[in-house]
Amino acid sequence: MMLTCEEVMKKPLVTVTEKDDLGLAVALLQHHGFRHLPVLRERRLVGLLTQTDLWRAKHDLGAASITPVCDAMVTTVKTVRRRTPVRHAARLMMANHVSCLPVVEEDGTLVGLLTASDLVELAAELAEELDREDIEICRG
């Protein structure tokens, strides 16, 4: 059985637009406890904003500045498709030292977000399944 990104990714998503203020992004990250915010233009992914990006923006631009998200977001973002095998997505995350991958349609429409936390949760579930199977085998 091949597990796909669609089966593991988080949805619905909290997003911002490139014209939104960084203050809104900060509030959304804090309220929801997220570390990543996809940035959209008409439902299509145009960037990603992380807690690190916000910290850098605050340091570089100053706290008093009203700054649009587009001034702090990363625009070169690795992505995957719905049917991408999770094992490939995990390897892509490790190879590129990223902690999330937006899941997009071919036209760039965002449909989900796969995070390192999602993969850790999946690993825990799979480990529990293996533990249950070992118990069943032992009881025979």
N, C-alpha and C. Protein backbone atom coordinates (compact mmCIF):
# COMPACT_ATOMS: atom_id res chain seq x y z
N MET A 1 0.84 -1.18 0.00
CA MET A 1 0.00 0.00 0.00
C MET A 1 0.89 1.25 0.00
N MET A 2 0.60 2.19 -0.88
CA MET A 2 1.37 3.43 -0.95
C MET A 2 0.57 4.55 -0.28
N LEU A 3 1.15 5.15 0.73
CA LEU A 3 0.53 6.27 1.42
C LEU A 3 0.87 7.55 0.69
N THR A 4 -0.14 8.39 0.39
CA THR A 4 0.09 9.62 -0.36
C THR A 4 -0.01 10.84 0.55
N CYS A 5 0.51 11.94 0.05
CA CYS A 5 0.45 13.21 0.79
C CYS A 5 -0.99 13.60 1.10
N GLU A 6 -1.89 13.33 0.18
CA GLU A 6 -3.30 13.68 0.38
C GLU A 6 -3.88 13.02 1.62
N GLU A 7 -3.39 11.82 1.94
CA GLU A 7 -3.91 11.09 3.08
C GLU A 7 -3.35 11.58 4.42
N VAL A 8 -2.27 12.33 4.38
CA VAL A 8 -1.60 12.76 5.61
C VAL A 8 -1.67 14.27 5.82
N MET A 9 -1.80 15.04 4.75
CA MET A 9 -1.74 16.50 4.82
C MET A 9 -2.86 17.08 5.67
N LYS A 10 -2.61 18.30 6.14
CA LYS A 10 -3.60 19.04 6.92
C LYS A 10 -4.45 19.90 5.99
N LYS A 11 -5.74 19.91 6.28
CA LYS A 11 -6.69 20.78 5.60
C LYS A 11 -7.89 20.89 6.52
N PRO A 12 -8.70 21.86 6.54
CA PRO A 12 -8.54 23.10 5.77
C PRO A 12 -7.37 23.91 6.30
N LEU A 13 -6.97 24.85 5.50
CA LEU A 13 -5.77 25.62 5.80
C LEU A 13 -6.08 27.03 6.25
N VAL A 14 -5.17 27.56 7.05
CA VAL A 14 -5.17 28.97 7.37
C VAL A 14 -4.12 29.59 6.48
N THR A 15 -4.48 30.62 5.74
CA THR A 15 -3.55 31.24 4.79
C THR A 15 -3.62 32.76 4.92
N VAL A 16 -2.68 33.41 4.27
CA VAL A 16 -2.69 34.86 4.13
C VAL A 16 -2.45 35.19 2.67
N THR A 17 -2.71 36.43 2.31
CA THR A 17 -2.38 36.88 0.97
C THR A 17 -1.09 37.69 1.06
N GLU A 18 -0.48 37.90 -0.08
CA GLU A 18 0.79 38.63 -0.11
C GLU A 18 0.63 40.09 0.31
N LYS A 19 -0.60 40.62 0.25
CA LYS A 19 -0.84 42.02 0.61
C LYS A 19 -1.25 42.19 2.07
N ASP A 20 -1.54 41.08 2.76
CA ASP A 20 -1.90 41.17 4.18
C ASP A 20 -0.72 41.71 4.97
N ASP A 21 -1.02 42.31 6.10
CA ASP A 21 0.00 42.86 6.98
C ASP A 21 0.63 41.75 7.82
N LEU A 22 1.92 41.91 8.12
CA LEU A 22 2.61 40.92 8.94
C LEU A 22 1.97 40.77 10.32
N GLY A 23 1.34 41.83 10.79
CA GLY A 23 0.65 41.76 12.08
C GLY A 23 -0.43 40.69 12.07
N LEU A 24 -1.17 40.59 10.98
CA LEU A 24 -2.19 39.56 10.83
C LEU A 24 -1.54 38.18 10.84
N ALA A 25 -0.44 38.04 10.12
CA ALA A 25 0.26 36.76 10.07
C ALA A 25 0.72 36.33 11.46
N VAL A 26 1.28 37.24 12.20
CA VAL A 26 1.73 36.95 13.57
C VAL A 26 0.55 36.49 14.42
N ALA A 27 -0.56 37.22 14.32
CA ALA A 27 -1.75 36.88 15.11
C ALA A 27 -2.27 35.48 14.74
N LEU A 28 -2.28 35.16 13.46
CA LEU A 28 -2.76 33.85 13.03
C LEU A 28 -1.85 32.73 13.52
N LEU A 29 -0.55 32.93 13.39
CA LEU A 29 0.39 31.92 13.87
C LEU A 29 0.24 31.69 15.38
N GLN A 30 0.12 32.76 16.13
CA GLN A 30 -0.01 32.65 17.58
C GLN A 30 -1.35 32.01 17.97
N HIS A 31 -2.42 32.46 17.33
CA HIS A 31 -3.76 31.95 17.67
C HIS A 31 -3.89 30.45 17.40
N HIS A 32 -3.36 30.01 16.26
CA HIS A 32 -3.52 28.61 15.86
C HIS A 32 -2.35 27.72 16.29
N GLY A 33 -1.27 28.33 16.75
CA GLY A 33 -0.10 27.54 17.15
C GLY A 33 0.65 26.94 15.98
N PHE A 34 0.58 27.60 14.83
CA PHE A 34 1.26 27.13 13.62
C PHE A 34 2.66 27.70 13.55
N ARG A 35 3.48 27.09 12.67
CA ARG A 35 4.81 27.62 12.38
C ARG A 35 4.95 28.03 10.92
N HIS A 36 3.93 27.74 10.11
CA HIS A 36 3.98 28.03 8.68
C HIS A 36 2.65 28.60 8.20
N LEU A 37 2.73 29.59 7.33
CA LEU A 37 1.54 30.14 6.70
C LEU A 37 1.75 30.20 5.19
N PRO A 38 0.95 29.45 4.44
CA PRO A 38 1.02 29.59 2.98
C PRO A 38 0.52 30.97 2.57
N VAL A 39 1.16 31.54 1.56
CA VAL A 39 0.78 32.86 1.06
C VAL A 39 0.16 32.66 -0.33
N LEU A 40 -1.05 33.18 -0.50
CA LEU A 40 -1.79 32.95 -1.73
C LEU A 40 -2.07 34.23 -2.50
N ARG A 41 -2.23 34.04 -3.79
CA ARG A 41 -2.79 35.05 -4.68
C ARG A 41 -3.84 34.31 -5.50
N GLU A 42 -5.09 34.63 -5.25
CA GLU A 42 -6.21 33.98 -5.94
C GLU A 42 -6.12 32.45 -5.86
N ARG A 43 -6.00 31.92 -4.65
CA ARG A 43 -5.97 30.49 -4.34
C ARG A 43 -4.70 29.78 -4.79
N ARG A 44 -3.77 30.50 -5.41
CA ARG A 44 -2.53 29.88 -5.87
C ARG A 44 -1.39 30.26 -4.92
N LEU A 45 -0.54 29.30 -4.67
CA LEU A 45 0.59 29.51 -3.78
C LEU A 45 1.61 30.43 -4.43
N VAL A 46 1.99 31.49 -3.73
CA VAL A 46 3.03 32.39 -4.23
C VAL A 46 4.19 32.51 -3.24
N GLY A 47 4.02 31.93 -2.06
CA GLY A 47 5.09 32.00 -1.07
C GLY A 47 4.72 31.28 0.20
N LEU A 48 5.66 31.31 1.14
CA LEU A 48 5.47 30.70 2.44
C LEU A 48 6.07 31.62 3.49
N LEU A 49 5.37 31.76 4.58
CA LEU A 49 5.82 32.61 5.68
C LEU A 49 5.98 31.72 6.91
N THR A 50 7.15 31.76 7.52
CA THR A 50 7.41 30.94 8.70
C THR A 50 7.68 31.84 9.90
N GLN A 51 7.71 31.22 11.06
CA GLN A 51 8.06 31.98 12.27
C GLN A 51 9.44 32.62 12.12
N THR A 52 10.36 31.91 11.50
CA THR A 52 11.71 32.45 11.29
C THR A 52 11.67 33.67 10.38
N ASP A 53 10.86 33.61 9.32
CA ASP A 53 10.72 34.76 8.42
C ASP A 53 10.18 35.98 9.18
N LEU A 54 9.23 35.74 10.07
CA LEU A 54 8.66 36.84 10.85
C LEU A 54 9.69 37.44 11.80
N TRP A 55 10.49 36.57 12.40
CA TRP A 55 11.53 37.06 13.30
C TRP A 55 12.53 37.93 12.53
N ARG A 56 12.94 37.44 11.35
CA ARG A 56 13.88 38.21 10.53
C ARG A 56 13.27 39.55 10.12
N ALA A 57 12.01 39.54 9.72
CA ALA A 57 11.35 40.77 9.29
C ALA A 57 11.28 41.77 10.44
N LYS A 58 10.96 41.28 11.61
CA LYS A 58 10.89 42.17 12.78
C LYS A 58 12.27 42.77 13.05
N HIS A 59 13.29 41.95 12.94
CA HIS A 59 14.66 42.40 13.18
C HIS A 59 15.11 43.39 12.09
N ASP A 60 14.83 43.07 10.83
CA ASP A 60 15.30 43.89 9.71
C ASP A 60 14.45 45.15 9.48
N LEU A 61 13.15 45.02 9.66
CA LEU A 61 12.24 46.12 9.31
C LEU A 61 11.79 46.94 10.52
N GLY A 62 11.94 46.38 11.70
CA GLY A 62 11.54 47.09 12.90
C GLY A 62 10.09 46.81 13.27
N ALA A 63 9.81 46.82 14.54
CA ALA A 63 8.48 46.48 15.04
C ALA A 63 7.42 47.51 14.67
N ALA A 64 7.79 48.77 14.51
CA ALA A 64 6.80 49.81 14.26
C ALA A 64 6.34 49.86 12.81
N SER A 65 7.06 49.18 11.95
CA SER A 65 6.76 49.23 10.53
C SER A 65 5.51 48.42 10.18
N ILE A 66 4.65 49.00 9.34
CA ILE A 66 3.53 48.24 8.78
C ILE A 66 4.05 47.63 7.49
N THR A 67 4.15 46.32 7.51
CA THR A 67 4.82 45.62 6.43
C THR A 67 3.91 44.58 5.81
N PRO A 68 3.82 44.54 4.49
CA PRO A 68 3.03 43.48 3.85
C PRO A 68 3.78 42.15 3.90
N VAL A 69 3.03 41.08 3.89
CA VAL A 69 3.57 39.73 3.94
C VAL A 69 4.60 39.50 2.83
N CYS A 70 4.36 40.07 1.64
CA CYS A 70 5.26 39.83 0.51
C CYS A 70 6.69 40.30 0.78
N ASP A 71 6.88 41.21 1.73
CA ASP A 71 8.22 41.69 2.06
C ASP A 71 9.00 40.71 2.94
N ALA A 72 8.32 39.73 3.51
CA ALA A 72 8.99 38.80 4.42
C ALA A 72 8.91 37.34 3.97
N MET A 73 8.01 37.03 3.06
CA MET A 73 7.79 35.63 2.68
C MET A 73 8.92 35.07 1.82
N VAL A 74 9.03 33.77 1.81
CA VAL A 74 9.95 33.05 0.94
C VAL A 74 9.17 32.71 -0.32
N THR A 75 9.76 32.98 -1.48
CA THR A 75 9.04 32.73 -2.73
C THR A 75 9.50 31.46 -3.45
N THR A 76 10.64 30.95 -3.08
CA THR A 76 11.11 29.69 -3.65
C THR A 76 10.72 28.59 -2.68
N VAL A 77 9.63 27.90 -3.01
CA VAL A 77 9.05 26.92 -2.09
C VAL A 77 8.97 25.56 -2.76
N LYS A 78 9.51 24.55 -2.12
CA LYS A 78 9.36 23.18 -2.59
C LYS A 78 7.92 22.76 -2.36
N THR A 79 7.32 22.10 -3.34
CA THR A 79 5.94 21.65 -3.22
C THR A 79 5.82 20.19 -3.66
N VAL A 80 4.69 19.60 -3.33
CA VAL A 80 4.35 18.25 -3.78
C VAL A 80 2.91 18.26 -4.26
N ARG A 81 2.52 17.17 -4.91
CA ARG A 81 1.15 16.98 -5.39
C ARG A 81 0.40 16.04 -4.44
N ARG A 82 -0.92 15.98 -4.59
CA ARG A 82 -1.75 15.12 -3.75
C ARG A 82 -1.28 13.67 -3.75
N ARG A 83 -0.95 13.16 -4.92
CA ARG A 83 -0.62 11.74 -5.08
C ARG A 83 0.86 11.43 -4.86
N THR A 84 1.65 12.42 -4.46
CA THR A 84 3.06 12.16 -4.17
C THR A 84 3.13 11.19 -2.99
N PRO A 85 3.91 10.12 -3.12
CA PRO A 85 4.07 9.21 -1.99
C PRO A 85 4.69 9.93 -0.79
N VAL A 86 4.19 9.65 0.39
CA VAL A 86 4.69 10.30 1.61
C VAL A 86 6.18 10.05 1.77
N ARG A 87 6.64 8.86 1.41
CA ARG A 87 8.08 8.58 1.56
C ARG A 87 8.92 9.53 0.70
N HIS A 88 8.43 9.89 -0.49
CA HIS A 88 9.16 10.83 -1.34
C HIS A 88 9.12 12.24 -0.73
N ALA A 89 7.97 12.62 -0.20
CA ALA A 89 7.85 13.94 0.43
C ALA A 89 8.78 14.05 1.63
N ALA A 90 8.84 13.00 2.44
CA ALA A 90 9.72 13.00 3.61
C ALA A 90 11.18 13.15 3.20
N ARG A 91 11.57 12.44 2.16
CA ARG A 91 12.95 12.53 1.66
C ARG A 91 13.23 13.93 1.12
N LEU A 92 12.26 14.52 0.43
CA LEU A 92 12.40 15.88 -0.10
C LEU A 92 12.58 16.88 1.04
N MET A 93 11.80 16.71 2.11
CA MET A 93 11.93 17.60 3.27
C MET A 93 13.31 17.47 3.90
N MET A 94 13.79 16.24 4.05
CA MET A 94 15.12 16.04 4.65
C MET A 94 16.23 16.59 3.76
N ALA A 95 16.14 16.34 2.47
CA ALA A 95 17.19 16.78 1.54
C ALA A 95 17.28 18.29 1.46
N ASN A 96 16.15 18.97 1.64
CA ASN A 96 16.11 20.43 1.50
C ASN A 96 16.05 21.16 2.84
N HIS A 97 16.10 20.40 3.93
CA HIS A 97 16.08 20.99 5.28
C HIS A 97 14.89 21.91 5.47
N VAL A 98 13.70 21.43 5.08
CA VAL A 98 12.48 22.18 5.28
C VAL A 98 11.54 21.40 6.18
N SER A 99 10.67 22.11 6.88
CA SER A 99 9.78 21.43 7.82
C SER A 99 8.33 21.41 7.34
N CYS A 100 8.10 21.85 6.11
CA CYS A 100 6.76 21.69 5.53
C CYS A 100 6.84 21.74 4.02
N LEU A 101 5.85 21.12 3.41
CA LEU A 101 5.70 21.14 1.96
C LEU A 101 4.24 21.46 1.63
N PRO A 102 4.01 22.55 0.95
CA PRO A 102 2.65 22.81 0.47
C PRO A 102 2.28 21.75 -0.57
N VAL A 103 1.03 21.32 -0.52
CA VAL A 103 0.50 20.37 -1.49
C VAL A 103 -0.34 21.17 -2.47
N VAL A 104 0.05 21.13 -3.74
CA VAL A 104 -0.60 21.97 -4.75
C VAL A 104 -1.07 21.15 -5.95
N GLU A 105 -2.07 21.71 -6.63
CA GLU A 105 -2.49 21.17 -7.92
C GLU A 105 -1.47 21.61 -8.96
N GLU A 106 -1.59 21.09 -10.15
CA GLU A 106 -0.64 21.42 -11.21
C GLU A 106 -0.60 22.92 -11.51
N ASP A 107 -1.74 23.60 -11.35
CA ASP A 107 -1.80 25.05 -11.64
C ASP A 107 -1.37 25.91 -10.46
N GLY A 108 -0.90 25.27 -9.38
CA GLY A 108 -0.44 26.02 -8.21
C GLY A 108 -1.49 26.25 -7.15
N THR A 109 -2.72 25.78 -7.37
CA THR A 109 -3.77 25.92 -6.36
C THR A 109 -3.41 25.09 -5.13
N LEU A 110 -3.42 25.74 -3.98
CA LEU A 110 -3.07 25.07 -2.73
C LEU A 110 -4.21 24.18 -2.26
N VAL A 111 -3.90 22.93 -1.91
CA VAL A 111 -4.93 22.01 -1.42
C VAL A 111 -4.62 21.46 -0.04
N GLY A 112 -3.40 21.66 0.45
CA GLY A 112 -3.05 21.14 1.76
C GLY A 112 -1.63 21.52 2.13
N LEU A 113 -1.23 21.10 3.32
CA LEU A 113 0.10 21.37 3.82
C LEU A 113 0.58 20.13 4.56
N LEU A 114 1.72 19.63 4.18
CA LEU A 114 2.34 18.49 4.85
C LEU A 114 3.49 19.01 5.69
N THR A 115 3.45 18.76 6.99
CA THR A 115 4.48 19.28 7.88
C THR A 115 5.27 18.15 8.52
N ALA A 116 6.41 18.51 9.08
CA ALA A 116 7.22 17.54 9.81
C ALA A 116 6.42 16.97 10.97
N SER A 117 5.60 17.79 11.59
CA SER A 117 4.74 17.30 12.69
C SER A 117 3.77 16.23 12.19
N ASP A 118 3.24 16.40 10.99
CA ASP A 118 2.35 15.39 10.40
C ASP A 118 3.09 14.06 10.25
N LEU A 119 4.35 14.15 9.81
CA LEU A 119 5.15 12.94 9.60
C LEU A 119 5.51 12.27 10.92
N VAL A 120 5.77 13.05 11.94
CA VAL A 120 6.06 12.48 13.26
C VAL A 120 4.81 11.80 13.81
N GLU A 121 3.66 12.43 13.64
CA GLU A 121 2.39 11.84 14.07
C GLU A 121 2.15 10.52 13.33
N LEU A 122 2.40 10.50 12.04
CA LEU A 122 2.25 9.28 11.24
C LEU A 122 3.21 8.20 11.73
N ALA A 123 4.44 8.56 12.01
CA ALA A 123 5.42 7.60 12.50
C ALA A 123 4.96 6.99 13.83
N ALA A 124 4.39 7.81 14.71
CA ALA A 124 3.89 7.30 15.99
C ALA A 124 2.74 6.32 15.78
N GLU A 125 1.83 6.65 14.86
CA GLU A 125 0.71 5.75 14.57
C GLU A 125 1.20 4.42 13.99
N LEU A 126 2.16 4.49 13.08
CA LEU A 126 2.70 3.27 12.48
C LEU A 126 3.44 2.43 13.52
N ALA A 127 4.16 3.08 14.41
CA ALA A 127 4.86 2.36 15.48
C ALA A 127 3.86 1.66 16.40
N GLU A 128 2.75 2.34 16.71
CA GLU A 128 1.71 1.72 17.54
C GLU A 128 1.12 0.50 16.85
N GLU A 129 0.89 0.60 15.54
CA GLU A 129 0.38 -0.54 14.78
C GLU A 129 1.35 -1.71 14.83
N LEU A 130 2.62 -1.42 14.65
CA LEU A 130 3.63 -2.49 14.71
C LEU A 130 3.67 -3.12 16.10
N ASP A 131 3.55 -2.29 17.14
CA ASP A 131 3.53 -2.82 18.50
C ASP A 131 2.33 -3.74 18.71
N ARG A 132 1.16 -3.35 18.20
CA ARG A 132 -0.04 -4.18 18.33
C ARG A 132 0.13 -5.50 17.59
N GLU A 133 0.74 -5.45 16.41
CA GLU A 133 0.99 -6.67 15.64
C GLU A 133 1.93 -7.60 16.39
N ASP A 134 2.96 -7.04 17.03
CA ASP A 134 3.89 -7.86 17.82
C ASP A 134 3.17 -8.54 18.97
N ILE A 135 2.25 -7.83 19.61
CA ILE A 135 1.48 -8.40 20.72
C ILE A 135 0.63 -9.55 20.22
N GLU A 136 -0.02 -9.37 19.07
CA GLU A 136 -0.86 -10.43 18.49
C GLU A 136 -0.03 -11.65 18.15
N ILE A 137 1.16 -11.46 17.59
CA ILE A 137 2.02 -12.57 17.22
C ILE A 137 2.46 -13.32 18.46
N CYS A 138 2.80 -12.59 19.53
CA CYS A 138 3.25 -13.22 20.77
C CYS A 138 2.14 -14.03 21.41
N ARG A 139 0.90 -13.56 21.32
CA ARG A 139 -0.23 -14.27 21.92
C ARG A 139 -0.60 -15.50 21.09
N GLY A 140 -0.28 -15.42 19.79
CA GLY A 140 -0.45 -16.47 18.81
C GLY A 140 -1.61 -17.28 18.95
